[in-house]
């Protein structure tokens, strides 16, 4: 009876070996789960890419329109600057002509003052 008791204590007593119980999954079950996660991840990434692609195309169109508007404003501003430069050049020419005319008139006035001054 002692040998039976020893065997029972050996397996069920305080001195029994501690055992971890794990459920075993077959290899094909692990591969199926891995493939499922891979397909889900790929589909999520593709969905994000496809949704983002549409918004990128819209953003590109808006940026193109804005670029065209800014280019037209730049052209208008350049034309205004050219007109202002031409106007400034004309004004400078007129100012030089008027300045020369003013000097000529002052010389004539000085001449006439000398002529009138000699008569007195």
N, C-alpha and C. Protein backbone atom coordinates (compact mmCIF):
# COMPACT_ATOMS: atom_id res chain seq x y z
N UNK A 1 0.82 -1.18 0.00
CA UNK A 1 0.00 0.00 0.00
C UNK A 1 0.87 1.25 0.00
N UNK A 2 2.05 1.11 0.59
CA UNK A 2 2.93 2.26 0.63
C UNK A 2 3.34 2.70 -0.78
N UNK A 3 3.69 1.82 -1.66
CA UNK A 3 4.09 2.28 -2.99
C UNK A 3 2.97 3.04 -3.70
N UNK A 4 1.75 2.70 -3.51
CA UNK A 4 0.63 3.39 -4.16
C UNK A 4 0.50 4.78 -3.57
N UNK A 5 0.63 4.88 -2.25
CA UNK A 5 0.54 6.16 -1.59
C UNK A 5 1.67 7.09 -2.06
N UNK A 6 2.84 6.54 -2.21
CA UNK A 6 3.96 7.35 -2.70
C UNK A 6 3.68 7.87 -4.11
N UNK A 7 3.17 7.02 -4.93
CA UNK A 7 2.85 7.45 -6.29
C UNK A 7 1.79 8.55 -6.29
N UNK A 8 0.82 8.44 -5.45
CA UNK A 8 -0.23 9.45 -5.39
C UNK A 8 0.35 10.76 -4.90
N UNK A 9 1.17 10.70 -3.83
CA UNK A 9 1.80 11.92 -3.32
C UNK A 9 2.74 12.54 -4.37
N UNK A 10 3.42 11.68 -5.06
CA UNK A 10 4.36 12.16 -6.07
C UNK A 10 3.64 12.95 -7.17
N UNK A 11 2.45 12.54 -7.50
CA UNK A 11 1.71 13.20 -8.57
C UNK A 11 0.78 14.29 -8.06
N UNK A 12 0.24 14.17 -6.87
CA UNK A 12 -0.77 15.11 -6.41
C UNK A 12 -0.39 15.86 -5.14
N UNK A 13 0.66 15.58 -4.52
CA UNK A 13 1.01 16.19 -3.24
C UNK A 13 1.75 17.50 -3.42
N UNK A 14 2.31 18.00 -2.27
CA UNK A 14 3.05 19.25 -2.29
C UNK A 14 4.37 19.12 -3.04
N UNK A 15 4.90 17.94 -3.07
CA UNK A 15 6.17 17.73 -3.76
C UNK A 15 6.00 17.38 -5.24
N UNK A 16 4.79 17.46 -5.73
CA UNK A 16 4.55 17.13 -7.14
C UNK A 16 5.14 18.21 -8.04
N UNK A 17 5.53 17.84 -9.23
CA UNK A 17 6.10 18.77 -10.20
C UNK A 17 5.00 19.73 -10.67
N UNK A 18 5.41 21.01 -10.85
CA UNK A 18 4.45 21.99 -11.34
C UNK A 18 4.41 21.91 -12.86
N UNK A 19 3.24 21.93 -13.38
CA UNK A 19 3.05 21.76 -14.82
C UNK A 19 2.23 22.93 -15.35
N UNK A 20 2.64 23.45 -16.49
CA UNK A 20 1.87 24.50 -17.16
C UNK A 20 1.02 23.84 -18.23
N UNK A 21 -0.24 24.23 -18.26
CA UNK A 21 -1.15 23.66 -19.23
C UNK A 21 -1.34 24.68 -20.35
N UNK A 22 -1.03 24.27 -21.57
CA UNK A 22 -1.22 25.14 -22.74
C UNK A 22 -2.04 24.39 -23.76
N UNK A 23 -2.90 25.15 -24.38
CA UNK A 23 -3.67 24.50 -25.44
C UNK A 23 -2.83 24.53 -26.72
N UNK A 24 -2.82 23.50 -27.42
CA UNK A 24 -2.02 23.39 -28.63
C UNK A 24 -2.91 23.67 -29.83
N UNK A 25 -2.46 24.63 -30.66
CA UNK A 25 -3.20 24.94 -31.88
C UNK A 25 -2.43 24.31 -33.03
N UNK A 26 -3.13 23.76 -33.97
CA UNK A 26 -2.44 23.15 -35.12
C UNK A 26 -1.77 24.22 -35.98
N UNK A 27 -0.76 23.84 -36.73
CA UNK A 27 0.02 24.78 -37.55
C UNK A 27 -0.84 25.46 -38.59
N UNK A 28 -1.78 24.75 -39.17
CA UNK A 28 -2.61 25.35 -40.22
C UNK A 28 -3.53 26.42 -39.65
N UNK A 29 -3.94 26.27 -38.38
CA UNK A 29 -4.78 27.28 -37.74
C UNK A 29 -3.98 28.57 -37.56
N UNK A 30 -2.72 28.47 -37.17
CA UNK A 30 -1.86 29.64 -37.02
C UNK A 30 -1.65 30.33 -38.36
N UNK A 31 -1.42 29.54 -39.41
CA UNK A 31 -1.22 30.13 -40.73
C UNK A 31 -2.47 30.83 -41.24
N UNK A 32 -3.63 30.25 -40.95
CA UNK A 32 -4.90 30.87 -41.38
C UNK A 32 -5.09 32.20 -40.68
N UNK A 33 -4.82 32.25 -39.37
CA UNK A 33 -4.96 33.51 -38.63
C UNK A 33 -3.96 34.55 -39.14
N UNK A 34 -2.71 34.15 -39.41
CA UNK A 34 -1.71 35.08 -39.93
C UNK A 34 -2.13 35.61 -41.30
N UNK A 35 -2.63 34.73 -42.16
CA UNK A 35 -3.09 35.16 -43.48
C UNK A 35 -4.28 36.10 -43.37
N UNK A 36 -5.18 35.82 -42.43
CA UNK A 36 -6.35 36.69 -42.22
C UNK A 36 -5.91 38.09 -41.79
N UNK A 37 -4.98 38.16 -40.84
CA UNK A 37 -4.49 39.47 -40.40
C UNK A 37 -3.76 40.19 -41.53
N UNK A 38 -3.03 39.44 -42.32
CA UNK A 38 -2.32 40.04 -43.45
C UNK A 38 -3.30 40.62 -44.46
N UNK A 39 -4.34 39.88 -44.78
CA UNK A 39 -5.35 40.36 -45.72
C UNK A 39 -6.09 41.56 -45.15
N UNK A 40 -6.45 41.52 -43.89
CA UNK A 40 -7.13 42.66 -43.27
C UNK A 40 -6.24 43.91 -43.27
N UNK A 41 -4.98 43.73 -42.94
CA UNK A 41 -4.06 44.87 -42.95
C UNK A 41 -3.88 45.44 -44.34
N UNK A 42 -3.73 44.59 -45.32
CA UNK A 42 -3.59 45.05 -46.69
C UNK A 42 -4.85 45.78 -47.16
N UNK A 43 -6.02 45.22 -46.86
CA UNK A 43 -7.26 45.87 -47.29
C UNK A 43 -7.45 47.21 -46.61
N UNK A 44 -7.09 47.31 -45.33
CA UNK A 44 -7.19 48.60 -44.62
C UNK A 44 -6.23 49.61 -45.23
N UNK A 45 -5.01 49.19 -45.53
CA UNK A 45 -4.03 50.10 -46.13
C UNK A 45 -4.50 50.54 -47.51
N UNK A 46 -5.04 49.64 -48.30
CA UNK A 46 -5.53 49.99 -49.63
C UNK A 46 -6.71 50.94 -49.54
N UNK A 47 -7.58 50.70 -48.58
CA UNK A 47 -8.75 51.58 -48.38
C UNK A 47 -8.28 52.99 -48.03
N UNK A 48 -7.30 53.10 -47.13
CA UNK A 48 -6.76 54.41 -46.76
C UNK A 48 -6.10 55.07 -47.96
N UNK A 49 -5.36 54.32 -48.74
CA UNK A 49 -4.68 54.87 -49.91
C UNK A 49 -5.69 55.36 -50.93
N UNK A 50 -6.73 54.55 -51.18
CA UNK A 50 -7.74 54.92 -52.17
C UNK A 50 -8.51 56.15 -51.72
N UNK A 51 -8.84 56.21 -50.45
CA UNK A 51 -9.57 57.38 -49.94
C UNK A 51 -8.67 58.60 -49.95
N UNK A 52 -7.41 58.43 -49.62
CA UNK A 52 -6.47 59.54 -49.63
C UNK A 52 -6.16 59.99 -51.04
N UNK A 53 -6.17 59.09 -52.00
CA UNK A 53 -5.88 59.44 -53.38
C UNK A 53 -6.93 60.38 -53.95
N UNK A 54 -8.18 60.16 -53.59
CA UNK A 54 -9.24 61.04 -54.07
C UNK A 54 -9.06 62.44 -53.50
N UNK A 55 -8.73 62.52 -52.22
CA UNK A 55 -8.55 63.83 -51.63
C UNK A 55 -7.29 64.50 -52.18
N UNK A 56 -6.28 63.71 -52.51
CA UNK A 56 -5.06 64.27 -53.09
C UNK A 56 -5.33 64.84 -54.47
N UNK A 57 -6.17 64.15 -55.24
CA UNK A 57 -6.52 64.66 -56.57
C UNK A 57 -7.29 65.96 -56.43
N UNK A 58 -8.20 66.03 -55.48
CA UNK A 58 -8.94 67.27 -55.25
C UNK A 58 -8.03 68.39 -54.80
N UNK A 59 -7.10 68.08 -53.92
CA UNK A 59 -6.15 69.09 -53.46
C UNK A 59 -5.27 69.56 -54.61
N UNK A 60 -4.89 68.63 -55.48
CA UNK A 60 -4.07 68.99 -56.63
C UNK A 60 -4.83 69.93 -57.57
N UNK A 61 -6.10 69.65 -57.79
CA UNK A 61 -6.90 70.52 -58.65
C UNK A 61 -7.03 71.91 -58.05
N UNK A 62 -7.29 71.96 -56.72
CA UNK A 62 -7.39 73.26 -56.06
C UNK A 62 -6.07 74.02 -56.13
N UNK A 63 -4.97 73.31 -55.93
CA UNK A 63 -3.66 73.97 -55.99
C UNK A 63 -3.37 74.47 -57.40
N UNK A 64 -3.79 73.72 -58.42
CA UNK A 64 -3.58 74.14 -59.80
C UNK A 64 -4.39 75.40 -60.10
N UNK A 65 -5.62 75.44 -59.66
CA UNK A 65 -6.47 76.62 -59.88
C UNK A 65 -5.88 77.83 -59.15
N UNK A 66 -5.46 77.61 -57.91
CA UNK A 66 -4.87 78.71 -57.15
C UNK A 66 -3.58 79.19 -57.81
N UNK A 67 -2.79 78.27 -58.34
CA UNK A 67 -1.56 78.63 -59.03
C UNK A 67 -1.85 79.47 -60.26
N UNK A 68 -2.88 79.09 -61.01
CA UNK A 68 -3.25 79.87 -62.20
C UNK A 68 -3.71 81.27 -61.81
N UNK A 69 -4.50 81.37 -60.74
CA UNK A 69 -4.95 82.68 -60.27
C UNK A 69 -3.77 83.55 -59.86
N UNK A 70 -2.83 82.96 -59.13
CA UNK A 70 -1.67 83.72 -58.70
C UNK A 70 -0.80 84.14 -59.88
N UNK A 71 -0.69 83.27 -60.90
CA UNK A 71 0.08 83.64 -62.08
C UNK A 71 -0.58 84.79 -62.83
N UNK A 72 -1.90 84.78 -62.92
CA UNK A 72 -2.58 85.90 -63.58
C UNK A 72 -2.38 87.19 -62.79
N UNK A 73 -2.40 87.11 -61.46
CA UNK A 73 -2.15 88.30 -60.64
C UNK A 73 -0.72 88.80 -60.82
N UNK A 74 0.22 87.89 -60.94
CA UNK A 74 1.61 88.28 -61.16
C UNK A 74 1.75 88.99 -62.50
N UNK A 75 1.10 88.47 -63.53
CA UNK A 75 1.16 89.09 -64.85
C UNK A 75 0.55 90.49 -64.81
N UNK A 76 -0.60 90.62 -64.13
CA UNK A 76 -1.24 91.93 -64.02
C UNK A 76 -0.33 92.91 -63.28
N UNK A 77 0.29 92.46 -62.22
CA UNK A 77 1.17 93.33 -61.44
C UNK A 77 2.39 93.74 -62.26
N UNK A 78 2.95 92.81 -63.04
CA UNK A 78 4.09 93.14 -63.90
C UNK A 78 3.69 94.17 -64.95
N UNK A 79 2.49 94.02 -65.52
CA UNK A 79 2.02 95.00 -66.50
C UNK A 79 1.85 96.37 -65.86
N UNK A 80 1.31 96.40 -64.65
CA UNK A 80 1.16 97.68 -63.95
C UNK A 80 2.52 98.32 -63.70
N UNK A 81 3.49 97.49 -63.30
CA UNK A 81 4.84 98.03 -63.07
C UNK A 81 5.46 98.57 -64.35
N UNK A 82 5.25 97.88 -65.47
CA UNK A 82 5.76 98.37 -66.75
C UNK A 82 5.11 99.69 -67.12
N UNK A 83 3.79 99.79 -66.91
CA UNK A 83 3.08 101.04 -67.22
C UNK A 83 3.60 102.16 -66.33
N UNK A 84 3.78 101.87 -65.04
CA UNK A 84 4.28 102.90 -64.13
C UNK A 84 5.70 103.32 -64.50
N UNK A 85 6.53 102.37 -64.92
CA UNK A 85 7.90 102.70 -65.33
C UNK A 85 7.88 103.58 -66.57
N UNK A 86 7.00 103.27 -67.53
CA UNK A 86 6.91 104.08 -68.75
C UNK A 86 6.40 105.48 -68.41
N UNK A 87 5.43 105.56 -67.53
CA UNK A 87 4.90 106.85 -67.10
C UNK A 87 5.97 107.66 -66.39
N UNK A 88 6.74 107.01 -65.54
CA UNK A 88 7.82 107.68 -64.82
C UNK A 88 8.87 108.21 -65.80
N UNK A 89 9.19 107.42 -66.82
CA UNK A 89 10.16 107.87 -67.83
C UNK A 89 9.62 109.08 -68.58
N UNK A 90 8.34 109.08 -68.95
CA UNK A 90 7.73 110.23 -69.63
C UNK A 90 7.76 111.46 -68.73
N UNK A 91 7.43 111.26 -67.46
CA UNK A 91 7.44 112.40 -66.53
C UNK A 91 8.85 112.97 -66.38
N UNK A 92 9.86 112.11 -66.34
CA UNK A 92 11.23 112.58 -66.24
C UNK A 92 11.63 113.39 -67.48
N UNK A 93 11.21 112.91 -68.66
CA UNK A 93 11.50 113.66 -69.89
C UNK A 93 10.82 115.03 -69.86
N UNK A 94 9.55 115.05 -69.48
CA UNK A 94 8.82 116.32 -69.42
C UNK A 94 9.45 117.25 -68.38
N UNK A 95 9.88 116.70 -67.26
CA UNK A 95 10.51 117.52 -66.22
C UNK A 95 11.81 118.11 -66.73
N UNK A 96 12.60 117.32 -67.44
CA UNK A 96 13.85 117.84 -68.00
C UNK A 96 13.57 118.94 -69.02
N UNK A 97 12.56 118.75 -69.88
CA UNK A 97 12.20 119.76 -70.88
C UNK A 97 11.75 121.04 -70.17
N UNK A 98 10.90 120.90 -69.16
CA UNK A 98 10.41 122.07 -68.42
C UNK A 98 11.54 122.75 -67.67
N UNK A 99 12.47 121.96 -67.14
CA UNK A 99 13.60 122.55 -66.42
C UNK A 99 14.48 123.35 -67.40
N UNK A 100 14.74 122.78 -68.57
CA UNK A 100 15.51 123.51 -69.59
C UNK A 100 14.78 124.78 -70.03
N UNK A 101 13.47 124.66 -70.20
CA UNK A 101 12.66 125.83 -70.59
C UNK A 101 12.69 126.89 -69.51
N UNK A 102 12.63 126.45 -68.25
CA UNK A 102 12.67 127.40 -67.12
C UNK A 102 14.01 128.12 -67.08
N UNK A 103 15.11 127.42 -67.32
CA UNK A 103 16.43 128.04 -67.34
C UNK A 103 16.51 129.06 -68.49
N UNK A 104 15.96 128.71 -69.66
CA UNK A 104 15.97 129.62 -70.81
C UNK A 104 15.16 130.87 -70.51
N UNK A 105 14.01 130.68 -69.86
CA UNK A 105 13.18 131.84 -69.52
C UNK A 105 13.89 132.73 -68.51
N UNK A 106 14.59 132.15 -67.54
CA UNK A 106 15.34 132.94 -66.55
C UNK A 106 16.47 133.71 -67.23
N UNK A 107 17.13 133.09 -68.20
CA UNK A 107 18.19 133.79 -68.94
C UNK A 107 17.61 134.98 -69.73
N UNK A 108 16.45 134.74 -70.37
CA UNK A 108 15.79 135.82 -71.11
C UNK A 108 15.39 136.94 -70.17
N UNK A 109 14.87 136.57 -69.00
CA UNK A 109 14.46 137.58 -68.01
C UNK A 109 15.68 138.39 -67.55
N UNK A 110 16.77 137.74 -67.30
CA UNK A 110 17.99 138.43 -66.88
C UNK A 110 18.49 139.36 -68.00
N UNK A 111 18.40 138.88 -69.24
CA UNK A 111 18.80 139.72 -70.38
C UNK A 111 17.93 140.97 -70.47
N UNK A 112 16.61 140.77 -70.35
CA UNK A 112 15.70 141.91 -70.44
C UNK A 112 15.88 142.86 -69.27
N UNK A 113 16.19 142.35 -68.09
CA UNK A 113 16.46 143.24 -66.95
C UNK A 113 17.72 144.06 -67.22
N UNK A 114 18.72 143.43 -67.81
CA UNK A 114 19.95 144.19 -68.14
C UNK A 114 19.66 145.25 -69.19
N UNK A 115 18.82 144.91 -70.18
CA UNK A 115 18.49 145.87 -71.23
C UNK A 115 17.70 147.02 -70.65
N UNK A 116 16.73 146.76 -69.82
CA UNK A 116 15.90 147.80 -69.21
C UNK A 116 16.74 148.61 -68.23
N UNK A 117 17.65 147.97 -67.51
CA UNK A 117 18.49 148.67 -66.54
C UNK A 117 19.44 149.64 -67.22
N UNK A 118 19.91 149.35 -68.43
CA UNK A 118 20.81 150.22 -69.17
C UNK A 118 20.06 151.41 -69.73
N UNK A 119 18.79 151.27 -69.97
CA UNK A 119 17.99 152.36 -70.52
C UNK A 119 17.73 153.42 -69.49
N UNK A 120 17.69 153.12 -68.29
CA UNK A 120 17.34 154.11 -67.28
C UNK A 120 18.45 155.00 -67.06
